[in-house]
């Protein structure tokens, strides 16, 4: 996962020593993004999962309402599976109603649609709405938190643990910038929330009971290509933000945790996103067909088998470096039957600036059976009767 750090060493090598020493830095001459007062930060490309830049991205920190990204992922999966619908009605429990912080003032036994509850969470980070929906799905917050932790484990979020579903400061409730980037990559696969992500101001209910929903993510108002994200703020977590944006065929995720000032998180994530879009591009591994010549097979019913590259993947590379990528092909000169379809016969490697950026097996396309006395006899016999 850290491959892109090495690939872009020519861009940031001179700045890394400074980054390790200072929590607040700027090294614009080397292309290193400024994260201001953030304790931890990361930039990734969502479709590949490649890390483009990181600063203390494995440090366990409080996450505040960025917690709700995991709720959103589980809700999206429930919608995708047909177990949850936007027009379903949810009844608020006394426990959900008791939540404080950002709320829409749900009353015990008040009923509200899933759509309005999700809208309240995505736009305004409503804690009561989030709790009501989590209880609706799992029966209790405790059981929903178990789902959250199970999902985190399945995604490889090894430094994340949830204790509640809304992001309250609590001992043992922590994550890392790296884990949040993994989570953003998963949430970005769904578009159920895109309308709400991009809504600056809305309401739930009508008349005297109307609750205003004001989007706290300022980047949604002006950043080119922004799709989604989540803010979070508590005394312990500081000011946090996780966002993702898409331009062309590249989706960039930026996460910053533990900023001291509210605007620092927006400025930092804007810098991080710019760093990704300005400095990198998607590159798909290429095939030199002239190198993939058939391999001779000894003692087989066929004299040779065609070969192909097992997998071709897309990756992120620094812009303007395509011509510097060097490919090498290693393929066996001869095989002995039997040959199995998909059998490894070689390897292709792509190197950029002495760093391997792509590797794949080269495999046999066809099965080649071994020549036996019986099979040879059948071949001779068929040849005779073909006359």
Protein backbone atom coordinates (compact mmCIF):
# COMPACT_ATOMS: atom_id res chain seq x y z
CA UNK A 1 0.00 0.00 0.00
CA UNK A 2 2.89 2.37 0.59
CA UNK A 3 4.26 1.82 -2.91
CA UNK A 4 3.32 5.27 -4.17
CA UNK A 5 5.33 6.90 -1.42
CA UNK A 6 8.38 5.25 -2.88
CA UNK A 7 7.38 5.94 -6.46
CA UNK A 8 7.07 9.64 -5.71
CA UNK A 9 10.27 9.79 -3.67
CA UNK A 10 11.76 12.20 -6.17
CA UNK A 11 8.94 14.61 -5.24
CA UNK A 12 8.91 14.39 -1.48
CA UNK A 13 12.18 12.85 -0.30
CA UNK A 14 13.68 16.13 0.81
CA UNK A 15 10.59 17.01 2.80
CA UNK A 16 10.02 13.79 4.70
CA UNK A 17 12.60 14.39 7.39
CA UNK A 18 10.89 17.67 8.17
CA UNK A 19 7.45 16.02 8.20
CA UNK A 20 8.49 13.54 10.86
CA UNK A 21 9.66 16.30 13.15
CA UNK A 22 6.90 18.88 12.81
CA UNK A 23 3.13 18.60 13.29
CA UNK A 24 2.61 21.71 11.19
CA UNK A 25 4.57 22.05 7.98
CA UNK A 26 4.68 23.22 4.40
CA UNK A 27 7.15 22.17 1.77
CA UNK A 28 5.52 23.45 -1.38
CA UNK A 29 8.75 23.46 -3.37
CA UNK A 30 8.84 19.66 -3.11
CA UNK A 31 5.11 19.27 -3.73
CA UNK A 32 4.35 18.15 -0.16
CA UNK A 33 0.81 19.15 0.88
CA UNK A 34 0.32 21.40 3.88
CA UNK A 35 -1.81 19.84 6.61
CA UNK A 36 -1.59 22.73 9.08
CA UNK A 37 -2.34 21.59 12.65
CA UNK A 38 -3.53 18.08 11.82
CA UNK A 39 -2.06 15.24 13.88
CA UNK A 40 -2.56 12.71 11.09
CA UNK A 41 -3.32 12.83 7.37
CA UNK A 42 -3.45 10.70 4.26
CA UNK A 43 -4.24 10.90 0.55
CA UNK A 44 -5.33 7.81 -1.38
CA UNK A 45 -6.80 6.95 -4.77
CA UNK A 46 -10.04 5.10 -4.08
CA UNK A 47 -10.26 2.69 -7.01
CA UNK A 48 -6.75 1.32 -6.46
CA UNK A 49 -6.38 1.97 -2.75
CA UNK A 50 -2.90 3.36 -3.36
CA UNK A 51 -1.44 5.75 -0.80
CA UNK A 52 -0.15 8.93 -2.42
CA UNK A 53 0.95 10.70 0.75
CA UNK A 54 0.68 10.08 4.47
CA UNK A 55 1.65 11.71 7.74
CA UNK A 56 1.27 9.65 10.94
CA UNK A 57 -1.52 7.76 9.17
CA UNK A 58 -1.28 4.75 11.50
CA UNK A 59 -1.59 6.73 14.74
CA UNK A 60 -4.69 5.78 16.72
CA UNK A 61 -6.82 8.86 17.32
CA UNK A 62 -10.34 9.83 18.26
CA UNK A 63 -12.57 10.36 15.22
CA UNK A 64 -15.67 12.24 16.43
CA UNK A 65 -18.56 12.09 13.93
CA UNK A 66 -16.36 10.68 11.19
CA UNK A 67 -17.58 7.55 13.00
CA UNK A 68 -20.82 7.87 11.06
CA UNK A 69 -19.09 6.92 7.81
CA UNK A 70 -19.18 3.33 9.03
CA UNK A 71 -22.89 3.71 9.79
CA UNK A 72 -23.40 5.03 6.26
CA UNK A 73 -21.58 2.07 4.77
CA UNK A 74 -23.69 -0.46 6.67
CA UNK A 75 -26.89 1.44 5.80
CA UNK A 76 -25.88 1.45 2.12
CA UNK A 77 -25.29 -2.28 2.21
CA UNK A 78 -28.69 -2.80 3.83
CA UNK A 79 -30.33 -0.71 1.09
CA UNK A 80 -28.39 -2.59 -1.59
CA UNK A 81 -29.54 -5.91 -0.14
CA UNK A 82 -33.18 -4.79 -0.12
CA UNK A 83 -33.50 -4.96 3.67
CA UNK A 84 -33.79 -1.19 4.08
CA UNK A 85 -35.77 1.29 1.96
CA UNK A 86 -35.92 5.07 1.95
CA UNK A 87 -39.69 5.05 2.50
CA UNK A 88 -39.52 2.70 5.53
CA UNK A 89 -40.79 4.29 8.74
CA UNK A 90 -38.65 4.22 11.89
CA UNK A 91 -39.97 4.81 15.41
CA UNK A 92 -37.59 6.69 17.68
CA UNK A 93 -36.74 5.12 21.02
CA UNK A 94 -36.33 7.00 24.29
CA UNK A 95 -32.62 6.24 24.11
CA UNK A 96 -32.24 7.74 20.63
CA UNK A 97 -34.25 10.76 21.71
CA UNK A 98 -31.89 11.33 24.64
CA UNK A 99 -28.84 11.85 22.40
CA UNK A 100 -27.22 15.27 22.63
CA UNK A 101 -24.89 17.27 20.43
CA UNK A 102 -26.02 17.66 16.82
CA UNK A 103 -29.68 16.57 16.85
CA UNK A 104 -33.02 17.12 15.14
CA UNK A 105 -34.87 16.83 18.47
CA UNK A 106 -36.59 13.51 17.87
CA UNK A 107 -39.20 12.69 20.48
CA UNK A 108 -39.76 9.21 21.98
CA UNK A 109 -42.08 7.20 19.69
CA UNK A 110 -41.85 9.83 16.96
CA UNK A 111 -41.92 8.27 13.52
CA UNK A 112 -39.76 9.40 10.61
CA UNK A 113 -38.84 7.95 7.23
CA UNK A 114 -35.47 6.36 6.59
CA UNK A 115 -34.90 9.01 3.93
CA UNK A 116 -35.33 11.89 6.39
CA UNK A 117 -33.21 10.18 9.02
CA UNK A 118 -30.37 9.56 6.55
CA UNK A 119 -30.68 13.10 5.23
CA UNK A 120 -30.40 14.42 8.78
CA UNK A 121 -27.25 12.41 9.41
CA UNK A 122 -25.49 13.07 6.10
CA UNK A 123 -26.19 16.80 6.03
CA UNK A 124 -26.25 17.75 9.70
CA UNK A 125 -24.67 14.76 11.51
CA UNK A 126 -27.75 14.30 13.70
CA UNK A 127 -26.91 11.95 16.56
CA UNK A 128 -30.52 11.10 17.44
CA UNK A 129 -31.33 10.28 13.81
CA UNK A 130 -28.24 8.09 13.47
CA UNK A 131 -29.06 6.19 16.66
CA UNK A 132 -32.70 5.65 15.70
CA UNK A 133 -31.70 4.18 12.35
CA UNK A 134 -28.99 1.97 13.85
CA UNK A 135 -31.48 0.63 16.40
CA UNK A 136 -34.00 0.01 13.62
CA UNK A 137 -31.47 -2.18 11.78
CA UNK A 138 -29.81 -4.03 14.65
CA UNK A 139 -32.25 -3.72 17.57
CA UNK A 140 -29.90 -1.73 19.79
CA UNK A 141 -26.90 0.55 19.53
CA UNK A 142 -24.78 -2.12 21.21
CA UNK A 143 -25.66 -4.68 18.54
CA UNK A 144 -25.14 -2.17 15.75
CA UNK A 145 -21.70 -1.30 17.13
CA UNK A 146 -20.90 -5.00 16.90
CA UNK A 147 -21.78 -4.82 13.20
CA UNK A 148 -19.52 -1.80 12.86
CA UNK A 149 -16.56 -3.57 14.40
CA UNK A 150 -17.15 -6.71 12.36
CA UNK A 151 -17.25 -4.64 9.19
CA UNK A 152 -14.09 -2.78 10.15
CA UNK A 153 -12.31 -6.08 10.66
CA UNK A 154 -13.47 -7.41 7.28
CA UNK A 155 -12.16 -4.27 5.55
CA UNK A 156 -8.73 -4.58 7.13
CA UNK A 157 -9.22 -1.60 9.44
CA UNK A 158 -6.89 -3.16 11.99
CA UNK A 159 -6.43 0.00 14.07
CA UNK A 160 -10.10 0.90 14.45
CA UNK A 161 -12.50 0.14 17.28
CA UNK A 162 -16.00 1.51 17.77
CA UNK A 163 -17.70 1.95 21.12
CA UNK A 164 -20.73 3.97 19.95
CA UNK A 165 -22.42 4.74 16.65
CA UNK A 166 -22.22 8.54 16.67
CA UNK A 167 -18.65 9.44 17.59
CA UNK A 168 -18.79 10.51 21.22
CA UNK A 169 -15.43 10.61 22.97
CA UNK A 170 -15.10 7.30 24.77
CA UNK A 171 -12.19 5.19 25.91
CA UNK A 172 -11.43 2.57 23.30
CA UNK A 173 -13.19 4.46 20.48
CA UNK A 174 -10.45 5.17 17.96
CA UNK A 175 -9.29 4.92 14.37
CA UNK A 176 -6.46 6.02 12.07
CA UNK A 177 -6.33 8.18 8.99
CA UNK A 178 -5.33 5.11 6.98
CA UNK A 179 -8.33 3.10 8.18
CA UNK A 180 -10.70 5.98 7.46
CA UNK A 181 -9.33 6.17 3.91
CA UNK A 182 -10.14 2.48 3.48
CA UNK A 183 -13.64 3.17 4.72
CA UNK A 184 -14.11 6.15 2.40
CA UNK A 185 -13.14 3.96 -0.52
CA UNK A 186 -15.98 1.59 0.36
CA UNK A 187 -18.59 4.31 0.96
CA UNK A 188 -17.65 5.97 -2.33
CA UNK A 189 -18.87 2.87 -4.19
CA UNK A 190 -22.47 3.83 -3.39
CA UNK A 191 -24.37 6.88 -4.61
CA UNK A 192 -27.34 6.76 -2.22
CA UNK A 193 -26.07 9.77 -0.28
CA UNK A 194 -24.71 11.96 -3.08
CA UNK A 195 -27.80 14.19 -3.15
CA UNK A 196 -27.47 14.86 0.56
CA UNK A 197 -23.69 15.26 0.50
CA UNK A 198 -24.18 18.16 -1.92
CA UNK A 199 -27.06 19.82 -0.09
CA UNK A 200 -26.06 22.94 1.82
CA UNK A 201 -29.35 23.60 3.62
CA UNK A 202 -32.53 21.58 4.08
CA UNK A 203 -35.23 20.77 6.62
CA UNK A 204 -37.08 17.82 8.12
CA UNK A 205 -40.63 18.13 9.39
CA UNK A 206 -42.81 21.14 8.64
CA UNK A 207 -44.14 24.15 10.49
CA UNK A 208 -43.20 24.79 14.09
CA UNK A 209 -41.53 21.41 14.41
CA UNK A 210 -39.21 21.88 11.43
CA UNK A 211 -35.53 21.17 12.09
CA UNK A 212 -32.90 22.94 10.01
CA UNK A 213 -30.14 20.85 8.44
CA UNK A 214 -26.98 22.82 7.68
CA UNK A 215 -24.10 21.05 5.95
CA UNK A 216 -20.93 21.46 8.01
CA UNK A 217 -18.60 20.40 5.16
CA UNK A 218 -17.56 23.67 3.55
CA UNK A 219 -15.66 21.90 0.75
CA UNK A 220 -18.99 20.73 -0.67
CA UNK A 221 -19.72 24.33 -1.64
CA UNK A 222 -16.74 25.03 -3.83
CA UNK A 223 -14.28 22.20 -4.43
CA UNK A 224 -14.29 20.95 -8.02
CA UNK A 225 -15.37 17.32 -8.25
CA UNK A 226 -16.27 16.85 -4.58
CA UNK A 227 -18.66 13.95 -4.00
CA UNK A 228 -18.88 13.10 -0.34
CA UNK A 229 -17.37 13.42 3.08
CA UNK A 230 -17.88 13.71 6.81
CA UNK A 231 -16.83 16.25 9.39
CA UNK A 232 -16.29 15.52 13.06
CA UNK A 233 -15.54 17.60 16.13
CA UNK A 234 -15.15 16.78 19.82
CA UNK A 235 -12.88 18.03 22.58
CA UNK A 236 -10.74 14.90 22.37
CA UNK A 237 -10.75 14.43 18.60
CA UNK A 238 -10.28 18.05 17.63
CA UNK A 239 -11.47 19.02 14.15
CA UNK A 240 -11.58 16.10 11.70
CA UNK A 241 -12.56 15.66 8.07
CA UNK A 242 -12.70 12.84 5.53
CA UNK A 243 -13.66 13.66 1.93
CA UNK A 244 -13.45 12.24 -1.57
CA UNK A 245 -13.67 13.87 -4.98
CA UNK A 246 -13.62 12.65 -8.57
CA UNK A 247 -12.07 14.16 -11.67
CA UNK A 248 -11.91 12.13 -14.85
CA UNK A 249 -11.16 8.50 -14.01
CA UNK A 250 -9.54 9.21 -10.65
CA UNK A 251 -11.23 9.43 -7.24
CA UNK A 252 -9.06 10.95 -4.52
CA UNK A 253 -9.72 10.57 -0.80
CA UNK A 254 -8.26 12.96 1.78
CA UNK A 255 -8.39 12.49 5.55
CA UNK A 256 -7.11 14.73 8.31
CA UNK A 257 -7.57 14.07 12.02
CA UNK A 258 -6.87 16.20 15.08
CA UNK A 259 -6.77 19.75 13.70
CA UNK A 260 -6.69 22.56 16.25
CA UNK A 261 -8.84 25.02 14.32
CA UNK A 262 -12.05 24.42 12.40
CA UNK A 263 -10.88 25.86 9.08
CA UNK A 264 -7.57 23.98 9.25
CA UNK A 265 -9.33 20.72 8.34
CA UNK A 266 -10.88 22.23 5.21
CA UNK A 267 -7.68 23.91 4.09
CA UNK A 268 -5.71 20.74 4.78
CA UNK A 269 -8.06 18.46 2.85
CA UNK A 270 -8.19 20.91 -0.04
CA UNK A 271 -4.39 20.81 -0.16
CA UNK A 272 -4.39 17.03 0.05
CA UNK A 273 -6.93 16.66 -2.75
CA UNK A 274 -5.02 19.13 -4.93
CA UNK A 275 -1.86 17.16 -4.28
CA UNK A 276 -3.52 13.99 -5.55
CA UNK A 277 -5.14 15.48 -8.64
CA UNK A 278 -2.23 17.72 -9.63
CA UNK A 279 0.54 15.21 -9.10
CA UNK A 280 -0.79 11.81 -10.14
CA UNK A 281 -2.71 9.96 -12.83
CA UNK A 282 -4.25 6.54 -13.44
CA UNK A 283 -2.10 4.25 -15.56
CA UNK A 284 -3.12 0.80 -16.82
CA UNK A 285 -0.45 -1.81 -17.26
CA UNK A 286 0.28 -2.44 -20.91
CA UNK A 287 0.86 -5.57 -22.98
CA UNK A 288 3.56 -6.04 -25.59
CA UNK A 289 1.94 -8.72 -27.74
CA UNK A 290 5.23 -9.37 -29.54
CA UNK A 291 6.67 -10.75 -26.28
CA UNK A 292 3.83 -13.21 -25.74
CA UNK A 293 4.82 -15.82 -28.29
CA UNK A 294 3.53 -19.43 -28.06
CA UNK A 295 5.57 -21.77 -25.89
CA UNK A 296 6.70 -25.10 -27.32
CA UNK A 297 5.37 -28.21 -25.56
CA UNK A 298 7.27 -31.51 -25.53
CA UNK A 299 5.43 -34.83 -25.57
CA UNK A 300 2.05 -33.15 -26.00
CA UNK A 301 -0.94 -33.65 -28.26
CA UNK A 302 -0.33 -30.04 -29.35
CA UNK A 303 3.05 -28.64 -30.28
CA UNK A 304 2.60 -25.42 -28.33
CA UNK A 305 0.28 -23.29 -26.25
CA UNK A 306 -0.52 -19.60 -26.47
CA UNK A 307 0.22 -17.50 -23.40
CA UNK A 308 -1.25 -14.37 -21.84
CA UNK A 309 -0.77 -12.07 -18.87
CA UNK A 310 -2.88 -13.30 -15.97
CA UNK A 311 -4.05 -9.88 -14.82
CA UNK A 312 -3.78 -6.32 -16.00
CA UNK A 313 -4.44 -3.69 -13.36
CA UNK A 314 -4.70 0.05 -13.14
CA UNK A 315 -2.38 1.93 -10.83
CA UNK A 316 -1.53 5.47 -9.86
CA UNK A 317 1.76 6.98 -10.99
CA UNK A 318 3.23 10.48 -10.84
CA UNK A 319 2.10 12.56 -13.80
CA UNK A 320 4.41 12.60 -16.80
CA UNK A 321 6.20 9.34 -15.94
CA UNK A 322 4.61 6.92 -18.41
CA UNK A 323 7.58 6.93 -20.74
CA UNK A 324 9.94 6.03 -17.90
CA UNK A 325 8.20 2.73 -17.11
CA UNK A 326 10.31 -0.26 -18.17
CA UNK A 327 8.82 -3.71 -18.75
CA UNK A 328 10.63 -7.05 -18.59
CA UNK A 329 9.25 -10.42 -19.69
CA UNK A 330 10.50 -13.80 -18.48
CA UNK A 331 8.91 -16.80 -20.20
CA UNK A 332 10.05 -20.41 -20.20
CA UNK A 333 11.41 -21.64 -23.52
CA UNK A 334 9.73 -25.04 -23.38
CA UNK A 335 7.11 -26.96 -21.43
CA UNK A 336 6.53 -30.68 -20.97
CA UNK A 337 3.03 -32.08 -21.26
CA UNK A 338 0.65 -32.24 -19.57
CA UNK A 339 0.08 -28.46 -19.48
CA UNK A 340 -2.88 -27.11 -17.52
CA UNK A 341 -4.86 -24.09 -18.67
CA UNK A 342 -3.75 -21.22 -16.45
CA UNK A 343 -0.41 -22.82 -15.63
CA UNK A 344 2.29 -20.29 -14.86
CA UNK A 345 4.86 -20.09 -17.62
CA UNK A 346 6.55 -16.79 -16.85
CA UNK A 347 6.31 -13.34 -15.32
CA UNK A 348 6.05 -9.74 -16.47
CA UNK A 349 7.42 -6.90 -14.34
CA UNK A 350 7.10 -3.13 -14.72
CA UNK A 351 9.63 -0.85 -13.01
CA UNK A 352 9.54 2.90 -12.47
CA UNK A 353 12.62 4.58 -11.01
CA UNK A 354 14.01 1.26 -9.71
CA UNK A 355 10.74 0.46 -7.98
CA UNK A 356 8.49 -2.41 -9.09
CA UNK A 357 5.04 -0.98 -9.75
CA UNK A 358 3.42 -3.98 -11.41
CA UNK A 359 3.94 -7.75 -11.52
CA UNK A 360 1.85 -10.53 -12.98
CA UNK A 361 2.20 -14.17 -13.89
CA UNK A 362 2.16 -15.13 -17.55
CA UNK A 363 -0.02 -18.20 -17.98
CA UNK A 364 -0.83 -20.87 -20.56
CA UNK A 365 -4.02 -20.26 -22.50
CA UNK A 366 -4.70 -23.86 -23.52
CA UNK A 367 -4.55 -27.23 -21.88
CA UNK A 368 -2.16 -29.64 -23.61
CA UNK A 369 -2.58 -33.31 -22.85
CA UNK A 370 0.34 -35.68 -22.68
CA UNK A 371 0.93 -37.96 -25.65
CA UNK A 372 0.37 -41.61 -24.70
CA UNK A 373 0.40 -44.82 -26.73
CA UNK A 374 -3.39 -44.82 -26.81
CA UNK A 375 -3.70 -41.14 -27.80
CA UNK A 376 -1.05 -41.59 -30.50
CA UNK A 377 -2.93 -44.62 -31.82
CA UNK A 378 -6.16 -42.62 -32.02
CA UNK A 379 -4.40 -39.83 -33.91
CA UNK A 380 -2.99 -42.33 -36.43
CA UNK A 381 -6.37 -44.00 -36.75
CA UNK A 382 -8.22 -40.75 -37.36
CA UNK A 383 -5.61 -39.85 -39.97
CA UNK A 384 -6.21 -43.10 -41.82
CA UNK A 385 -9.98 -42.72 -41.86
CA UNK A 386 -9.76 -39.08 -42.88
CA UNK A 387 -8.77 -40.37 -46.35
